[in-house]
């Protein structure tokens, strides 16, 4: 439309405004070069702005690499000679009644010498106890001397009455004094019994007691009429059977626990005040559990529990298990194996070293 208007413009108008000056050849070439270079400059600018963002996007904040799963454990195959040198022995995992037990700790104490006495524990002040025992021994000696004198006086008064040389009243007073002296002697002896055995002879008794603090929430779970399994901390000695005994009630208000007492034979392997591990039987019927010998259990550096299982002749695989408890030489498993699995009981540590390249 503009072209048509330009064509229709009268000649006078073109002369009035004048024609535009024609561009020089050099200026025209420069304009053409700038027009051709403009797209290239735009691409360079875009690439310069987009470069750093692409590099930043390529750097991830976290790197996740796949790791080996427990199902990808190695399988160990031994030669007959290697199996013989390692002394491999296996046992079959089987179901057995699982006796639920409450694991806790206890302290070896001295039982009281008389019924109703208080056990001697590490909290007992032995110096004060020794002084009390010495005073009680002195009271017994003094009461015994007074009882002998009163008995002699009573015999003399009775003889005088028989010879009609003394009064009946004097005889009755002498007999009453002798009875009081005997009562004082019996009271002194009873007080001495309550103080227990002499401090110098502590630990020489044939029977010792184990004081077991139990939380109040666990008391109802325990079968208080059944024996407890008692063993020293760290092993090294056999397990003793503790017989429940009746003792004066005691508790710890701060800890919220009450004390149970169990009698054990004095095998001279436990000292007074020594801490021991105690397994208390829980009330109720036990369920069935999978058992293997305790020697089959291995522990890794992180506390994990493992068992080597023979899957084929001279072929072994390591399986993770969860240990529910150990009673004597038998380990109760909560998970990891199935009945009939052949667990390695001898040579498991050697297989562990073979798997990880230990020399």
Protein backbone atom coordinates (compact mmCIF):
# COMPACT_ATOMS: atom_id res chain seq x y z
CA UNK A 1 0.00 0.00 0.00
CA UNK A 2 2.84 2.37 0.80
CA UNK A 3 4.39 1.55 -2.55
CA UNK A 4 1.17 2.53 -4.30
CA UNK A 5 0.97 5.78 -2.32
CA UNK A 6 4.54 6.54 -3.25
CA UNK A 7 3.71 5.98 -6.85
CA UNK A 8 0.67 8.26 -6.55
CA UNK A 9 2.65 11.06 -4.91
CA UNK A 10 2.84 13.99 -7.25
CA UNK A 11 6.14 15.06 -8.60
CA UNK A 12 5.97 18.35 -6.71
CA UNK A 13 5.87 16.58 -3.41
CA UNK A 14 8.97 14.63 -4.28
CA UNK A 15 10.71 17.81 -5.22
CA UNK A 16 9.48 19.55 -1.98
CA UNK A 17 10.80 16.96 0.42
CA UNK A 18 13.65 15.85 -1.75
CA UNK A 19 14.88 12.37 -2.39
CA UNK A 20 16.94 10.45 0.15
CA UNK A 21 20.62 10.44 -0.59
CA UNK A 22 21.96 7.21 -1.95
CA UNK A 23 24.32 5.22 0.27
CA UNK A 24 27.94 4.88 -0.65
CA UNK A 25 29.22 1.44 -1.72
CA UNK A 26 31.61 1.20 1.30
CA UNK A 27 28.82 1.94 3.82
CA UNK A 28 26.55 -0.58 2.17
CA UNK A 29 29.18 -3.30 2.45
CA UNK A 30 29.72 -2.49 6.12
CA UNK A 31 26.01 -2.73 6.84
CA UNK A 32 25.77 -6.06 5.06
CA UNK A 33 28.72 -7.41 7.12
CA UNK A 34 27.17 -6.28 10.39
CA UNK A 35 23.83 -7.87 9.46
CA UNK A 36 25.58 -11.18 8.72
CA UNK A 37 27.65 -11.12 11.92
CA UNK A 38 24.70 -10.36 14.21
CA UNK A 39 23.41 -13.97 14.40
CA UNK A 40 26.91 -15.26 15.20
CA UNK A 41 27.35 -12.74 18.01
CA UNK A 42 23.97 -13.74 19.44
CA UNK A 43 24.97 -17.44 19.44
CA UNK A 44 28.26 -16.63 21.18
CA UNK A 45 26.45 -14.65 23.86
CA UNK A 46 24.00 -17.48 24.48
CA UNK A 47 26.75 -20.05 24.71
CA UNK A 48 28.70 -17.86 27.14
CA UNK A 49 25.66 -17.51 29.40
CA UNK A 50 24.64 -21.18 29.24
CA UNK A 51 28.09 -22.75 29.81
CA UNK A 52 28.45 -22.37 33.58
CA UNK A 53 24.86 -23.51 34.26
CA UNK A 54 25.40 -26.76 32.34
CA UNK A 55 28.59 -27.49 34.31
CA UNK A 56 26.87 -26.72 37.63
CA UNK A 57 23.96 -28.99 36.75
CA UNK A 58 26.34 -31.87 35.99
CA UNK A 59 27.72 -31.86 39.61
CA UNK A 60 25.37 -33.96 41.82
CA UNK A 61 25.14 -33.31 45.57
CA UNK A 62 25.42 -37.00 46.41
CA UNK A 63 26.93 -40.05 44.82
CA UNK A 64 25.21 -43.38 45.31
CA UNK A 65 27.12 -46.54 44.49
CA UNK A 66 25.70 -50.05 44.74
CA UNK A 67 27.18 -52.27 47.46
CA UNK A 68 27.22 -56.01 47.90
CA UNK A 69 24.17 -57.49 49.58
CA UNK A 70 24.29 -60.18 52.25
CA UNK A 71 22.78 -62.58 49.73
CA UNK A 72 25.93 -62.16 47.64
CA UNK A 73 28.23 -63.73 50.23
CA UNK A 74 30.97 -66.01 49.06
CA UNK A 75 30.71 -69.78 49.08
CA UNK A 76 33.69 -71.68 50.47
CA UNK A 77 34.59 -75.05 48.98
CA UNK A 78 37.34 -77.01 50.70
CA UNK A 79 39.42 -79.88 49.51
CA UNK A 80 39.22 -83.08 51.53
CA UNK A 81 42.71 -82.42 52.91
CA UNK A 82 41.81 -78.84 53.94
CA UNK A 83 38.62 -80.01 55.65
CA UNK A 84 40.60 -82.58 57.58
CA UNK A 85 43.25 -80.05 58.66
CA UNK A 86 40.64 -77.54 59.85
CA UNK A 87 38.82 -80.21 61.86
CA UNK A 88 35.39 -79.19 60.61
CA UNK A 89 32.49 -80.52 62.70
CA UNK A 90 28.80 -79.81 62.21
CA UNK A 91 25.60 -80.16 64.21
CA UNK A 92 22.00 -80.15 63.07
CA UNK A 93 19.80 -77.20 64.02
CA UNK A 94 16.74 -78.58 65.78
CA UNK A 95 13.64 -77.37 67.57
CA UNK A 96 13.59 -77.48 71.35
CA UNK A 97 11.42 -75.98 74.10
CA UNK A 98 12.48 -72.39 74.64
CA UNK A 99 12.48 -71.36 78.30
CA UNK A 100 11.94 -67.63 78.50
CA UNK A 101 14.38 -66.05 80.93
CA UNK A 102 14.95 -62.60 82.34
CA UNK A 103 18.63 -61.67 82.16
CA UNK A 104 19.95 -59.50 84.96
CA UNK A 105 22.88 -59.27 87.37
CA UNK A 106 23.45 -60.13 91.00
CA UNK A 107 25.88 -59.80 93.89
CA UNK A 108 27.33 -62.56 96.06
CA UNK A 109 26.50 -61.91 99.73
CA UNK A 110 26.92 -63.71 103.04
CA UNK A 111 23.71 -65.32 104.31
CA UNK A 112 22.55 -64.52 107.83
CA UNK A 113 23.59 -66.97 110.52
CA UNK A 114 20.08 -67.11 112.01
CA UNK A 115 16.62 -66.98 110.56
CA UNK A 116 15.44 -63.40 110.30
CA UNK A 117 18.95 -61.99 110.05
CA UNK A 118 20.16 -59.56 107.41
CA UNK A 119 22.62 -60.69 104.70
CA UNK A 120 26.05 -59.08 104.69
CA UNK A 121 26.65 -57.17 101.46
CA UNK A 122 29.29 -54.79 100.15
CA UNK A 123 27.18 -51.93 101.50
CA UNK A 124 27.68 -53.22 105.04
CA UNK A 125 30.19 -51.31 107.16
CA UNK A 126 32.48 -54.14 108.26
CA UNK A 127 34.22 -52.03 110.90
CA UNK A 128 30.92 -51.21 112.55
CA UNK A 129 29.81 -54.82 112.19
CA UNK A 130 33.00 -56.10 113.80
CA UNK A 131 32.55 -53.69 116.72
CA UNK A 132 28.94 -54.78 117.17
CA UNK A 133 29.97 -58.42 117.13
CA UNK A 134 32.64 -57.76 119.77
CA UNK A 135 30.13 -56.03 122.02
CA UNK A 136 27.65 -58.85 121.50
CA UNK A 137 30.30 -61.42 122.43
CA UNK A 138 31.00 -59.44 125.60
CA UNK A 139 27.30 -59.30 126.43
CA UNK A 140 27.09 -63.07 126.07
CA UNK A 141 30.04 -63.60 128.38
CA UNK A 142 28.64 -61.23 131.00
CA UNK A 143 25.16 -62.77 130.82
CA UNK A 144 26.63 -66.26 131.10
CA UNK A 145 28.59 -65.30 134.23
CA UNK A 146 25.53 -63.75 135.80
CA UNK A 147 23.48 -66.82 134.95
CA UNK A 148 26.03 -69.10 136.64
CA UNK A 149 26.07 -67.00 139.80
CA UNK A 150 22.29 -66.84 139.90
CA UNK A 151 22.07 -70.60 139.44
CA UNK A 152 24.48 -71.21 142.33
CA UNK A 153 22.54 -68.82 144.58
CA UNK A 154 19.30 -70.57 143.71
CA UNK A 155 20.78 -73.97 144.57
CA UNK A 156 22.12 -72.64 147.87
CA UNK A 157 18.76 -71.09 148.82
CA UNK A 158 16.98 -74.32 147.97
CA UNK A 159 19.40 -76.33 150.11
CA UNK A 160 18.85 -73.99 153.06
CA UNK A 161 15.11 -74.43 152.78
CA UNK A 162 15.50 -78.21 152.77
CA UNK A 163 17.61 -77.99 155.92
CA UNK A 164 15.05 -75.62 157.45
CA UNK A 165 17.76 -73.00 157.75
CA UNK A 166 16.46 -70.55 155.19
CA UNK A 167 13.26 -68.86 154.19
CA UNK A 168 11.08 -69.87 151.32
CA UNK A 169 10.91 -66.25 150.16
CA UNK A 170 14.68 -66.04 149.80
CA UNK A 171 14.64 -69.26 147.78
CA UNK A 172 11.93 -67.90 145.48
CA UNK A 173 13.86 -64.66 144.96
CA UNK A 174 16.99 -66.64 144.08
CA UNK A 175 15.10 -68.81 141.60
CA UNK A 176 13.58 -65.71 139.96
CA UNK A 177 16.99 -64.09 139.67
CA UNK A 178 18.36 -67.24 138.04
CA UNK A 179 15.49 -67.27 135.53
CA UNK A 180 16.09 -63.61 134.63
CA UNK A 181 19.79 -64.33 134.14
CA UNK A 182 18.98 -67.21 131.81
CA UNK A 183 16.62 -64.97 129.81
CA UNK A 184 19.31 -62.30 129.50
CA UNK A 185 21.77 -64.93 128.28
CA UNK A 186 19.30 -66.18 125.65
CA UNK A 187 18.65 -62.61 124.45
CA UNK A 188 22.38 -61.89 124.17
CA UNK A 189 22.93 -65.04 122.15
CA UNK A 190 20.03 -64.21 119.82
CA UNK A 191 21.39 -60.72 119.21
CA UNK A 192 24.78 -62.18 118.40
CA UNK A 193 23.26 -64.61 115.89
CA UNK A 194 21.56 -61.75 114.10
CA UNK A 195 24.95 -60.14 113.50
CA UNK A 196 26.10 -63.13 111.46
CA UNK A 197 29.39 -64.93 111.24
CA UNK A 198 32.56 -63.23 112.46
CA UNK A 199 34.04 -60.78 109.99
CA UNK A 200 37.30 -62.72 109.96
CA UNK A 201 35.53 -65.85 108.70
CA UNK A 202 33.37 -64.31 105.98
CA UNK A 203 33.30 -66.39 102.83
CA UNK A 204 34.04 -69.70 104.57
CA UNK A 205 30.41 -70.78 104.77
CA UNK A 206 29.23 -73.78 102.82
CA UNK A 207 26.31 -71.81 101.39
CA UNK A 208 26.37 -68.33 99.86
CA UNK A 209 23.53 -66.13 98.71
CA UNK A 210 23.15 -64.08 95.55
CA UNK A 211 21.19 -60.85 95.83
CA UNK A 212 19.37 -60.13 92.56
CA UNK A 213 17.74 -56.69 92.11
CA UNK A 214 14.68 -56.99 89.86
CA UNK A 215 12.71 -54.09 88.44
CA UNK A 216 9.20 -53.83 89.78
CA UNK A 217 7.80 -54.20 86.24
CA UNK A 218 9.52 -57.58 85.83
CA UNK A 219 8.63 -59.14 89.18
CA UNK A 220 5.34 -60.55 87.92
CA UNK A 221 7.10 -62.19 84.97
CA UNK A 222 9.44 -64.25 87.14
CA UNK A 223 8.72 -67.73 88.44
CA UNK A 224 9.92 -67.18 91.99
CA UNK A 225 9.73 -70.86 92.86
CA UNK A 226 12.09 -72.05 90.11
CA UNK A 227 15.90 -72.09 90.35
CA UNK A 228 17.99 -69.42 88.63
CA UNK A 229 21.07 -69.89 86.45
CA UNK A 230 24.06 -68.04 87.92
CA UNK A 231 27.48 -67.70 86.30
CA UNK A 232 30.46 -65.37 86.69
CA UNK A 233 30.73 -62.41 84.35
CA UNK A 234 33.02 -63.14 81.42
CA UNK A 235 32.67 -66.91 81.74
CA UNK A 236 35.58 -69.04 82.88
CA UNK A 237 33.49 -71.10 85.30
CA UNK A 238 30.45 -73.28 85.08
CA UNK A 239 26.86 -72.25 85.66
CA UNK A 240 25.49 -72.70 89.16
CA UNK A 241 21.88 -73.42 90.03
CA UNK A 242 20.51 -70.93 92.54
CA UNK A 243 17.77 -72.11 94.90
CA UNK A 244 15.25 -69.41 95.86
CA UNK A 245 15.32 -68.62 99.58
CA UNK A 246 13.18 -66.52 101.88
CA UNK A 247 14.95 -63.40 103.09
CA UNK A 248 13.94 -60.18 104.81
CA UNK A 249 12.32 -57.84 102.28
CA UNK A 250 14.63 -55.22 100.81
CA UNK A 251 14.37 -52.81 97.91
CA UNK A 252 15.93 -49.79 96.24
CA UNK A 253 13.49 -46.92 96.02
CA UNK A 254 15.71 -44.84 93.73
CA UNK A 255 16.10 -47.67 91.19
CA UNK A 256 12.55 -48.97 91.58
CA UNK A 257 13.69 -52.54 92.23
CA UNK A 258 13.20 -55.24 94.83
CA UNK A 259 15.74 -57.85 95.91
CA UNK A 260 15.40 -61.58 95.37
CA UNK A 261 17.81 -64.03 97.01
CA UNK A 262 19.11 -67.37 95.74
CA UNK A 263 21.33 -69.85 97.58
CA UNK A 264 24.32 -71.41 95.82
CA UNK A 265 27.03 -73.80 97.05
CA UNK A 266 30.30 -72.17 98.02
CA UNK A 267 32.71 -73.57 95.43
CA UNK A 268 35.45 -71.07 96.43
CA UNK A 269 35.33 -69.60 92.91
CA UNK A 270 33.13 -66.64 93.83
CA UNK A 271 34.10 -63.94 96.28
CA UNK A 272 31.94 -61.88 98.57
CA UNK A 273 30.68 -58.85 96.67
CA UNK A 274 31.47 -60.32 93.25
CA UNK A 275 29.09 -59.45 90.43
CA UNK A 276 27.54 -62.37 88.57
CA UNK A 277 25.21 -62.85 85.61
CA UNK A 278 21.79 -64.20 86.53
CA UNK A 279 19.10 -65.71 84.30
CA UNK A 280 15.76 -65.80 86.07
CA UNK A 281 13.10 -68.21 84.79
CA UNK A 282 9.99 -66.52 83.46
CA UNK A 283 6.53 -67.71 84.34
CA UNK A 284 4.43 -69.44 81.70
CA UNK A 285 4.97 -72.19 79.16
CA UNK A 286 7.96 -71.84 76.84
CA UNK A 287 7.53 -71.96 73.07
CA UNK A 288 9.53 -73.97 70.56
CA UNK A 289 12.80 -72.46 69.39
CA UNK A 290 15.63 -73.38 67.04
CA UNK A 291 18.81 -74.39 68.86
CA UNK A 292 22.42 -74.90 67.81
CA UNK A 293 25.58 -75.39 69.89
CA UNK A 294 26.90 -72.10 71.23
CA UNK A 295 30.28 -72.76 69.58
CA UNK A 296 28.63 -72.25 66.17
CA UNK A 297 27.98 -68.54 66.80
CA UNK A 298 30.47 -66.04 65.33
CA UNK A 299 30.57 -62.27 65.87
CA UNK A 300 31.90 -59.77 63.36
CA UNK A 301 33.52 -56.41 64.06
CA UNK A 302 30.12 -54.70 64.24
CA UNK A 303 28.55 -57.17 66.66
CA UNK A 304 26.68 -59.12 64.00
CA UNK A 305 25.98 -62.79 64.64
CA UNK A 306 26.76 -65.41 61.99
CA UNK A 307 26.72 -69.17 61.52
CA UNK A 308 28.48 -71.20 58.84
CA UNK A 309 26.17 -73.76 57.24
CA UNK A 310 27.29 -76.77 55.22
CA UNK A 311 25.19 -76.67 52.05
CA UNK A 312 26.97 -79.52 50.23
CA UNK A 313 29.89 -81.85 50.89
CA UNK A 314 32.89 -79.62 51.75
CA UNK A 315 30.87 -76.50 50.79
CA UNK A 316 30.01 -73.85 53.36
CA UNK A 317 28.10 -70.56 53.39
CA UNK A 318 27.88 -67.87 56.04
CA UNK A 319 24.36 -67.01 57.27
CA UNK A 320 23.29 -64.11 59.47
CA UNK A 321 21.36 -65.16 62.58
CA UNK A 322 19.71 -63.42 65.50
CA UNK A 323 20.60 -64.82 68.89
CA UNK A 324 17.75 -65.05 71.40
CA UNK A 325 19.87 -66.34 74.28
CA UNK A 326 22.43 -68.87 75.47
CA UNK A 327 21.69 -71.45 78.14
CA UNK A 328 24.67 -73.56 79.07
CA UNK A 329 26.26 -74.67 75.83
CA UNK A 330 23.14 -74.25 73.70
CA UNK A 331 22.27 -71.12 71.72
CA UNK A 332 18.65 -70.28 70.99
CA UNK A 333 18.10 -68.56 67.62
CA UNK A 334 15.32 -66.11 66.88
CA UNK A 335 15.88 -66.18 63.11
CA UNK A 336 18.41 -67.05 60.41
CA UNK A 337 18.32 -70.86 60.10
CA UNK A 338 15.73 -73.53 59.54
CA UNK A 339 15.42 -76.98 61.10
CA UNK A 340 17.82 -79.46 59.57
CA UNK A 341 20.56 -76.97 58.63
CA UNK A 342 24.07 -78.26 59.27
CA UNK A 343 25.77 -75.62 61.44
CA UNK A 344 29.56 -75.66 61.76
CA UNK A 345 30.48 -76.07 65.43
CA UNK A 346 34.25 -76.64 65.09
CA UNK A 347 36.38 -74.75 62.59
CA UNK A 348 33.95 -71.84 62.12
CA UNK A 349 36.60 -69.26 63.03
CA UNK A 350 39.00 -70.82 60.51
CA UNK A 351 36.35 -70.59 57.80
CA UNK A 352 35.79 -66.94 58.74
CA UNK A 353 39.49 -66.25 58.32
CA UNK A 354 39.58 -68.16 55.04
CA UNK A 355 36.70 -66.11 53.64
CA UNK A 356 38.33 -62.78 54.46
CA UNK A 357 41.87 -63.79 53.60
CA UNK A 358 43.32 -64.00 57.12
CA UNK A 359 46.61 -65.87 57.35
